[in-house]
Amino acid sequence: MTRFAVEQLLAARTSATDEGAIGRMAQRSRDLRAKGEDIVSLTLGEPDFDTPLHIQDAATAAMRAGFTHYSPVPGLPELRQALARKFKNENGLDYDPSQISVGNGAKQVIVNAVMSLVEPGDEVIMLAPFWVSYAITVKLAGGTPVILPAGVEEGYKTPAARIAAALTPRTKLLMLNSPCNPTGALWSESELAEIARLVADHPRLLVLSDEIYEYIVFDGQAHSFAALPGMIERTITVNGFSKGFAMTGWRLGYAGAPAAITRAMTVMQSNNTAGVNPFVQRAGIVAIEGPRDEVQRMRERYRARRDMVLAALRAMPGVRIGDIPATFYAFPDVSEALGRKAGNHVLDTSDRLCDWLLEEHGVATVPGTAFGAPNSIRLSFAASEADIEKALARLAKAFASLS
């Protein structure tokens, strides 16, 4: 009998990526908890709040009204109309509802956009630190990520001059995330305008602007890149309901884009999944057009947690952290701790540092290598104040032991 090894039949793309550092560290923390260990996980970027009740009620009402069947792939017309109003009133963007596509979460919307645009040979500018899925998605599309790092001393925002130096005739897309996961960085209007001038001067450059954290801003103001002069025809504006409305499990994202791109994204989605759950879309209308009291309340809780985290991290030896004007993440630079030895652990990478923090100190974090910034780690403060306080005390003890 011929020996059969199914592993040899797997497509090469399955080994080009993994399940992701965030998911891996979250699963490790769950496994250790299952063994009875006291673990505090600051891994997932998931609000610890439940979805506001009026949104839940809208989904229930929609189910009872019969919104349980297939929906149009681009999204329900009434949701696309509501999103067009939202873009106009909140972002200054004049999209026709036909230019809006709805997906199963912002992640699918990003995949649809990248797969619609990027081909082998195309270069995609990545402003590091960046969200982990950007580079993975570009590679799956056959594109080449061009990573431009910025450090804590630059506010984790890559200067326009560095972007200009990286542009080539093969550059097709720039991935922009403001407010930013993992750093909390927030680009000012003038900083975005500098990037817009580069885009305007390039013959084929588009921008994917991921704005999903726009409702979690503490200091300053979020600006939509497409609202800059001449940029609406050069931009795919991505957003979603997961973060601001605590709707992670609902899987509802959307984008506004030039009509040709929206049509292509619909083709991508049609051939991979289908239209989004219709009663979730009906709930999305209520979320986007209903009261924002709960959104404001959650933001203020995140602000208080942000203040806790910043004060504690700035007091820890060997840790550098800048301001966090937005999101619910901290991304401290831990390069002074790297290269140290702690017991049987040689902490020569942020991956091994995170392993040590988990195994020896009971705190789960995410290594910066996943975000294109290997000298940092990410902490999510979308967790209870009690868990955050416990985790910060353990981290302080851990870093003090290395000094």
Protein backbone atom coordinates (compact mmCIF):
# COMPACT_ATOMS: atom_id res chain seq x y z
CA MET A 1 0.00 0.00 0.00
CA THR A 2 1.27 3.45 -0.88
CA ARG A 3 2.05 5.47 2.22
CA PHE A 4 -0.37 8.35 2.54
CA ALA A 5 0.63 11.58 4.31
CA VAL A 6 -2.16 14.13 4.24
CA GLU A 7 0.18 16.84 5.54
CA GLN A 8 1.98 16.81 2.17
CA LEU A 9 -1.24 17.75 0.42
CA LEU A 10 -1.84 20.98 2.31
CA ALA A 11 -1.59 24.19 0.30
CA ALA A 12 1.56 26.21 0.88
CA ARG A 13 -0.50 29.18 2.06
CA THR A 14 -1.48 27.24 5.19
CA SER A 15 2.13 27.26 6.36
CA ALA A 16 2.67 30.88 5.35
CA THR A 17 0.53 31.95 8.31
CA ASP A 18 -0.43 30.57 11.69
CA GLU A 19 -3.44 30.95 13.96
CA GLY A 20 -2.04 34.24 15.19
CA ALA A 21 -0.14 35.26 18.30
CA ILE A 22 -3.22 36.81 19.91
CA GLY A 23 -5.26 33.63 19.60
CA ARG A 24 -2.30 31.48 20.61
CA MET A 25 -1.60 33.41 23.82
CA ALA A 26 -5.31 33.58 24.66
CA GLN A 27 -5.62 29.82 24.23
CA ARG A 28 -2.53 29.17 26.36
CA SER A 29 -4.05 31.23 29.15
CA ARG A 30 -7.30 29.24 28.89
CA ASP A 31 -5.39 25.96 28.99
CA LEU A 32 -3.49 27.00 32.12
CA ARG A 33 -6.70 28.14 33.80
CA ALA A 34 -8.24 24.75 33.02
CA LYS A 35 -5.36 23.21 34.97
CA GLY A 36 -6.26 25.33 37.98
CA GLU A 37 -3.66 28.09 37.59
CA ASP A 38 -4.48 31.70 38.44
CA ILE A 39 -4.05 33.51 35.12
CA VAL A 40 -4.99 37.06 34.18
CA SER A 41 -5.37 37.44 30.42
CA LEU A 42 -4.80 40.81 28.77
CA THR A 43 -4.68 39.31 25.28
CA LEU A 44 -7.98 39.82 23.48
CA GLY A 45 -9.18 43.13 22.12
CA GLU A 46 -12.72 42.32 23.18
CA PRO A 47 -14.87 44.64 25.29
CA ASP A 48 -15.79 43.04 28.60
CA PHE A 49 -19.17 44.77 28.39
CA ASP A 50 -22.31 43.16 27.03
CA THR A 51 -23.96 44.60 23.94
CA PRO A 52 -26.40 47.38 24.99
CA LEU A 53 -29.87 46.02 25.61
CA HIS A 54 -31.67 48.17 23.04
CA ILE A 55 -29.45 46.61 20.34
CA GLN A 56 -30.13 43.10 21.64
CA ASP A 57 -33.86 43.85 21.67
CA ALA A 58 -33.69 45.05 18.06
CA ALA A 59 -32.18 41.73 16.97
CA THR A 60 -34.92 39.78 18.77
CA ALA A 61 -37.63 41.94 17.21
CA ALA A 62 -36.07 41.48 13.76
CA MET A 63 -36.08 37.69 14.14
CA ARG A 64 -39.73 37.72 15.12
CA ALA A 65 -40.46 39.94 12.12
CA GLY A 66 -39.01 37.31 9.79
CA PHE A 67 -35.48 38.61 9.19
CA THR A 68 -34.07 35.09 9.29
CA HIS A 69 -33.48 34.37 5.61
CA TYR A 70 -30.68 35.06 3.13
CA SER A 71 -29.81 38.71 2.77
CA PRO A 72 -28.31 40.62 -0.20
CA VAL A 73 -24.55 40.15 -0.35
CA PRO A 74 -23.73 43.89 -0.23
CA GLY A 75 -26.01 44.33 2.79
CA LEU A 76 -29.63 45.21 3.50
CA PRO A 77 -30.57 48.41 1.63
CA GLU A 78 -31.88 50.02 4.81
CA LEU A 79 -28.57 49.39 6.64
CA ARG A 80 -26.52 50.75 3.74
CA GLN A 81 -28.71 53.86 3.75
CA ALA A 82 -28.18 54.26 7.50
CA LEU A 83 -24.43 53.86 7.07
CA ALA A 84 -24.41 56.44 4.28
CA ARG A 85 -26.07 58.87 6.70
CA LYS A 86 -23.55 57.96 9.38
CA PHE A 87 -20.59 58.57 7.06
CA LYS A 88 -22.06 61.93 6.03
CA ASN A 89 -22.97 63.20 9.49
CA GLU A 90 -20.06 61.83 11.53
CA ASN A 91 -17.16 61.62 9.07
CA GLY A 92 -17.92 64.19 6.40
CA LEU A 93 -17.94 61.49 3.71
CA ASP A 94 -20.46 61.59 0.89
CA TYR A 95 -21.00 57.93 -0.05
CA ASP A 96 -24.01 56.74 -1.98
CA PRO A 97 -25.53 53.62 -0.36
CA SER A 98 -24.44 51.69 -3.47
CA GLN A 99 -20.82 52.48 -2.50
CA ILE A 100 -21.18 50.76 0.87
CA SER A 101 -20.55 47.05 1.42
CA VAL A 102 -21.43 45.11 4.55
CA GLY A 103 -19.41 42.09 5.68
CA ASN A 104 -19.20 39.47 8.38
CA GLY A 105 -17.04 41.65 10.58
CA ALA A 106 -14.48 44.31 9.65
CA LYS A 107 -11.91 41.55 9.16
CA GLN A 108 -13.87 40.08 6.25
CA VAL A 109 -14.34 43.56 4.80
CA ILE A 110 -10.56 44.05 4.87
CA VAL A 111 -10.00 40.66 3.24
CA ASN A 112 -12.55 41.52 0.54
CA ALA A 113 -10.77 44.80 -0.17
CA VAL A 114 -7.27 43.35 -0.27
CA MET A 115 -8.33 40.43 -2.43
CA SER A 116 -10.05 42.86 -4.80
CA LEU A 117 -6.95 44.99 -5.25
CA VAL A 118 -3.68 43.20 -4.51
CA GLU A 119 -1.98 40.86 -6.97
CA PRO A 120 1.45 39.20 -7.07
CA GLY A 121 4.08 41.87 -7.55
CA ASP A 122 2.09 44.59 -5.80
CA GLU A 123 3.65 46.25 -2.77
CA VAL A 124 1.60 47.25 0.27
CA ILE A 125 2.87 49.79 2.77
CA MET A 126 2.50 48.64 6.39
CA LEU A 127 2.94 51.28 9.11
CA ALA A 128 4.34 49.27 12.00
CA PRO A 129 3.15 48.59 14.59
CA PHE A 130 0.12 47.28 12.68
CA TRP A 131 -2.76 44.92 13.36
CA VAL A 132 -1.64 41.34 12.88
CA SER A 133 -4.06 40.39 10.10
CA TYR A 134 -2.91 43.09 7.66
CA ALA A 135 0.35 41.42 6.65
CA ILE A 136 -1.19 37.94 6.65
CA THR A 137 -3.98 39.01 4.32
CA VAL A 138 -1.62 40.78 1.92
CA LYS A 139 0.59 37.69 1.71
CA LEU A 140 -2.40 35.45 1.01
CA ALA A 141 -3.29 37.78 -1.88
CA GLY A 142 0.24 37.40 -3.26
CA GLY A 143 1.31 40.94 -2.38
CA THR A 144 4.53 42.07 -0.73
CA PRO A 145 4.28 43.84 2.63
CA VAL A 146 6.68 46.78 2.93
CA ILE A 147 7.06 47.33 6.66
CA LEU A 148 7.91 50.84 7.90
CA PRO A 149 8.48 50.81 11.66
CA ALA A 150 8.07 53.70 14.07
CA GLY A 151 9.11 53.60 17.71
CA VAL A 152 7.72 54.86 20.97
CA GLU A 153 9.75 58.06 20.65
CA GLU A 154 7.81 58.84 17.46
CA GLY A 155 4.47 58.13 19.04
CA TYR A 156 4.42 54.94 16.97
CA LYS A 157 3.48 57.00 13.89
CA THR A 158 5.63 56.55 10.78
CA PRO A 159 6.64 59.99 9.44
CA ALA A 160 5.47 60.91 5.95
CA ALA A 161 9.08 61.28 4.77
CA ARG A 162 9.73 57.61 5.57
CA ILE A 163 6.61 56.62 3.66
CA ALA A 164 7.69 58.73 0.66
CA ALA A 165 11.08 57.02 0.57
CA ALA A 166 9.41 53.58 0.43
CA LEU A 167 7.06 54.30 -2.48
CA THR A 168 7.84 52.64 -5.80
CA PRO A 169 5.95 52.12 -9.08
CA ARG A 170 4.81 48.77 -7.63
CA THR A 171 3.16 50.33 -4.56
CA LYS A 172 -0.60 49.86 -4.75
CA LEU A 173 -1.99 50.09 -1.22
CA LEU A 174 -1.20 51.75 2.10
CA MET A 175 -2.77 50.27 5.24
CA LEU A 176 -3.68 53.02 7.70
CA ASN A 177 -5.19 52.40 11.13
CA SER A 178 -6.12 55.46 13.18
CA PRO A 179 -6.91 55.08 16.05
CA CYS A 180 -4.36 52.29 16.00
CA ASN A 181 -4.36 48.73 17.28
CA PRO A 182 -1.96 47.91 19.00
CA THR A 183 -0.56 51.28 20.10
CA GLY A 184 -3.53 53.58 20.63
CA ALA A 185 -1.86 56.13 18.36
CA LEU A 186 -4.09 58.76 16.79
CA TRP A 187 -3.02 60.57 13.62
CA SER A 188 -3.77 64.29 13.58
CA GLU A 189 -5.43 65.94 10.61
CA SER A 190 -2.15 67.59 9.62
CA GLU A 191 -0.28 64.27 9.80
CA LEU A 192 -2.90 62.64 7.61
CA ALA A 193 -2.71 65.57 5.17
CA GLU A 194 1.01 64.89 4.70
CA ILE A 195 0.22 61.31 3.74
CA ALA A 196 -2.60 62.49 1.46
CA ARG A 197 -0.14 64.62 -0.52
CA LEU A 198 1.99 61.53 -1.15
CA VAL A 199 -1.06 59.55 -2.27
CA ALA A 200 -2.17 62.33 -4.63
CA ASP A 201 1.24 62.39 -6.32
CA HIS A 202 1.41 58.62 -6.87
CA PRO A 203 -0.19 57.23 -10.05
CA ARG A 204 -1.77 54.10 -8.54
CA LEU A 205 -1.70 54.31 -4.75
CA LEU A 206 -4.85 53.60 -2.71
CA VAL A 207 -5.37 53.73 1.05
CA LEU A 208 -7.26 51.28 3.24
CA SER A 209 -8.25 53.35 6.29
CA ASP A 210 -9.31 51.13 9.19
CA GLU A 211 -11.30 53.35 11.57
CA ILE A 212 -12.96 50.77 13.79
CA TYR A 213 -11.81 52.42 17.04
CA GLU A 214 -13.26 55.85 16.22
CA TYR A 215 -15.63 55.79 19.22
CA ILE A 216 -12.87 54.97 21.73
CA VAL A 217 -10.93 58.23 21.73
CA PHE A 218 -9.83 59.93 24.97
CA ASP A 219 -7.60 62.79 23.82
CA GLY A 220 -7.91 64.59 20.51
CA GLN A 221 -10.21 63.67 17.64
CA ALA A 222 -10.37 60.88 15.10
CA HIS A 223 -10.28 62.01 11.45
CA SER A 224 -11.38 60.04 8.40
CA PHE A 225 -8.64 59.93 5.80
CA ALA A 226 -11.14 59.97 2.93
CA ALA A 227 -12.44 63.36 4.11
CA LEU A 228 -9.18 65.04 3.04
CA PRO A 229 -9.30 66.83 -0.33
CA GLY A 230 -9.21 64.38 -3.23
CA MET A 231 -8.94 61.29 -1.05
CA ILE A 232 -12.46 59.83 -1.19
CA GLU A 233 -11.68 58.35 -4.63
CA ARG A 234 -8.42 56.91 -3.30
CA THR A 235 -9.70 55.37 -0.05
CA ILE A 236 -11.51 52.32 1.25
CA THR A 237 -12.92 53.41 4.62
CA VAL A 238 -13.40 50.36 6.85
CA ASN A 239 -15.35 50.30 10.09
CA GLY A 240 -17.45 47.95 12.19
CA PHE A 241 -19.61 47.51 15.25
CA SER A 242 -17.41 45.22 17.37
CA LYS A 243 -15.40 47.70 19.41
CA GLY A 244 -17.48 50.82 19.96
CA PHE A 245 -20.78 48.98 20.49
CA ALA A 246 -19.38 45.85 22.22
CA MET A 247 -20.69 43.67 19.38
CA THR A 248 -17.70 41.40 18.74
CA GLY A 249 -19.67 38.18 18.39
CA TRP A 250 -22.25 39.73 16.08
CA ARG A 251 -19.75 39.93 13.18
CA LEU A 252 -20.85 43.11 11.45
CA GLY A 253 -18.45 45.33 9.53
CA TYR A 254 -18.72 47.70 6.61
CA ALA A 255 -16.80 49.86 4.16
CA GLY A 256 -17.33 52.86 1.93
CA ALA A 257 -15.31 52.96 -1.28
CA PRO A 258 -15.35 53.99 -4.94
CA ALA A 259 -18.14 52.12 -6.72
CA ALA A 260 -15.84 49.87 -8.75
CA ILE A 261 -14.09 48.68 -5.59
CA THR A 262 -17.38 48.10 -3.78
CA ARG A 263 -18.61 45.94 -6.67
CA ALA A 264 -15.39 43.92 -6.63
CA MET A 265 -15.64 43.43 -2.86
CA THR A 266 -19.19 42.14 -3.30
CA VAL A 267 -17.91 39.58 -5.83
CA MET A 268 -15.23 38.44 -3.36
CA GLN A 269 -17.77 38.04 -0.57
CA SER A 270 -20.32 36.31 -2.78
CA ASN A 271 -17.82 33.63 -3.66
CA ASN A 272 -16.56 33.06 -0.12
CA THR A 273 -19.49 33.51 2.25
CA ALA A 274 -22.79 35.27 1.61
CA GLY A 275 -24.80 38.20 2.91
CA VAL A 276 -24.54 39.02 6.59
CA ASN A 277 -27.10 37.65 9.04
CA PRO A 278 -30.17 39.87 8.43
CA PHE A 279 -31.37 40.28 12.01
CA VAL A 280 -27.85 41.38 12.99
CA GLN A 281 -28.01 43.99 10.24
CA ARG A 282 -31.34 45.24 11.58
CA ALA A 283 -29.77 45.55 15.01
CA GLY A 284 -26.90 47.44 13.39
CA ILE A 285 -29.33 50.10 12.19
CA VAL A 286 -30.54 50.62 15.75
CA ALA A 287 -26.95 50.74 17.02
CA ILE A 288 -25.80 53.35 14.54
CA GLU A 289 -28.92 55.51 14.75
CA GLY A 290 -29.95 54.95 18.37
CA PRO A 291 -28.80 56.43 21.68
CA ARG A 292 -25.07 56.51 22.45
CA ASP A 293 -25.26 56.65 26.25
CA GLU A 294 -23.76 53.17 26.63
CA VAL A 295 -21.02 53.94 24.09
CA GLN A 296 -20.07 56.99 26.14
CA ARG A 297 -20.19 55.04 29.41
CA MET A 298 -17.90 52.34 28.04
CA ARG A 299 -15.47 54.95 26.73
CA GLU A 300 -15.23 56.59 30.15
CA ARG A 301 -14.53 53.21 31.78
CA TYR A 302 -11.79 52.60 29.23
CA ARG A 303 -10.38 56.05 29.97
CA ALA A 304 -10.13 55.24 33.69
CA ARG A 305 -8.43 51.94 32.87
CA ARG A 306 -6.07 53.71 30.49
CA ASP A 307 -5.01 56.01 33.30
CA MET A 308 -4.41 53.03 35.62
CA VAL A 309 -2.31 51.24 33.03
CA LEU A 310 -0.22 54.27 32.07
CA ALA A 311 0.59 55.18 35.67
CA ALA A 312 1.64 51.63 36.51
CA LEU A 313 3.70 50.99 33.36
CA ARG A 314 5.57 54.29 33.69
CA ALA A 315 6.68 53.26 37.17
CA MET A 316 8.11 49.92 36.02
CA PRO A 317 11.88 49.63 35.45
CA GLY A 318 12.91 48.81 31.90
CA VAL A 319 9.52 49.75 30.43
CA ARG A 320 8.90 52.71 28.11
CA ILE A 321 5.41 53.81 27.17
CA GLY A 322 4.11 56.86 25.36
CA ASP A 323 0.68 58.43 25.51
CA ILE A 324 -2.43 56.37 24.71
CA PRO A 325 -4.92 58.82 23.21
CA ALA A 326 -7.34 56.13 21.98
CA THR A 327 -8.34 52.41 21.92
CA PHE A 328 -8.04 49.98 24.82
CA TYR A 329 -4.45 48.83 24.28
CA ALA A 330 -1.06 49.62 25.76
CA PHE A 331 2.04 48.80 23.75
CA PRO A 332 5.08 49.32 25.98
CA ASP A 333 8.61 49.09 24.65
CA VAL A 334 10.39 46.39 26.68
CA SER A 335 13.71 46.33 24.82
CA GLU A 336 15.65 46.92 28.08
CA ALA A 337 14.30 43.62 29.40
CA LEU A 338 15.25 41.64 26.31
CA GLY A 339 18.45 39.64 26.54
CA ARG A 340 18.08 39.12 30.28
CA LYS A 341 18.05 35.71 31.92
CA ALA A 342 15.31 34.79 34.39
CA GLY A 343 15.69 31.35 35.88
CA ASN A 344 15.61 28.87 33.02
CA HIS A 345 14.31 31.52 30.62
CA VAL A 346 16.52 33.55 28.31
CA LEU A 347 14.35 36.53 27.44
CA ASP A 348 15.96 37.28 24.09
CA THR A 349 12.69 37.98 22.22
CA SER A 350 9.34 39.49 23.11
CA ASP A 351 7.82 36.05 22.43
CA ARG A 352 9.95 34.48 25.15
CA LEU A 353 9.32 37.41 27.46
CA CYS A 354 5.57 36.87 27.06
CA ASP A 355 6.00 33.15 27.70
CA TRP A 356 7.86 33.97 30.91
CA LEU A 357 5.27 36.48 32.05
CA LEU A 358 2.55 33.87 31.51
CA GLU A 359 4.29 30.81 32.93
CA GLU A 360 6.05 32.41 35.91
CA HIS A 361 3.86 35.41 36.73
CA GLY A 362 0.39 34.45 35.52
CA VAL A 363 -0.16 37.33 33.09
CA ALA A 364 -0.99 36.67 29.44
CA THR A 365 0.12 39.37 26.98
CA VAL A 366 0.89 39.36 23.24
CA PRO A 367 4.42 39.66 21.79
CA GLY A 368 5.12 42.66 19.58
CA THR A 369 6.56 40.46 16.84
CA ALA A 370 2.96 39.80 15.79
CA PHE A 371 2.52 43.53 15.14
CA GLY A 372 5.79 44.22 13.32
CA ALA A 373 7.41 45.66 16.47
CA PRO A 374 9.54 42.95 18.12
CA ASN A 375 10.73 45.10 21.05
CA SER A 376 7.25 45.64 22.49
CA ILE A 377 4.36 43.71 23.98
CA ARG A 378 0.63 44.41 23.83
CA LEU A 379 -1.70 44.59 26.79
CA SER A 380 -5.45 44.91 26.33
CA PHE A 381 -7.27 46.84 29.05
CA ALA A 382 -10.66 45.68 27.80
CA ALA A 383 -10.82 43.71 31.04
CA SER A 384 -12.22 44.33 34.50
CA GLU A 385 -10.51 46.85 36.78
CA ALA A 386 -9.85 44.05 39.28
CA ASP A 387 -8.08 41.92 36.67
CA ILE A 388 -6.10 44.89 35.39
CA GLU A 389 -4.98 45.82 38.90
CA LYS A 390 -3.89 42.24 39.60
CA ALA A 391 -2.06 41.99 36.27
CA LEU A 392 -0.24 45.29 36.75
CA ALA A 393 0.98 44.24 40.21
CA ARG A 394 2.34 41.01 38.76
CA LEU A 395 4.01 42.80 35.87
CA ALA A 396 5.63 45.28 38.25
CA LYS A 397 7.05 42.41 40.28
CA ALA A 398 8.26 40.64 37.13
CA PHE A 399 10.09 43.63 35.66
CA ALA A 400 11.53 44.62 39.05
CA SER A 401 13.10 41.16 39.27
CA LEU A 402 15.04 41.90 36.08
CA SER A 403 16.48 45.24 37.20
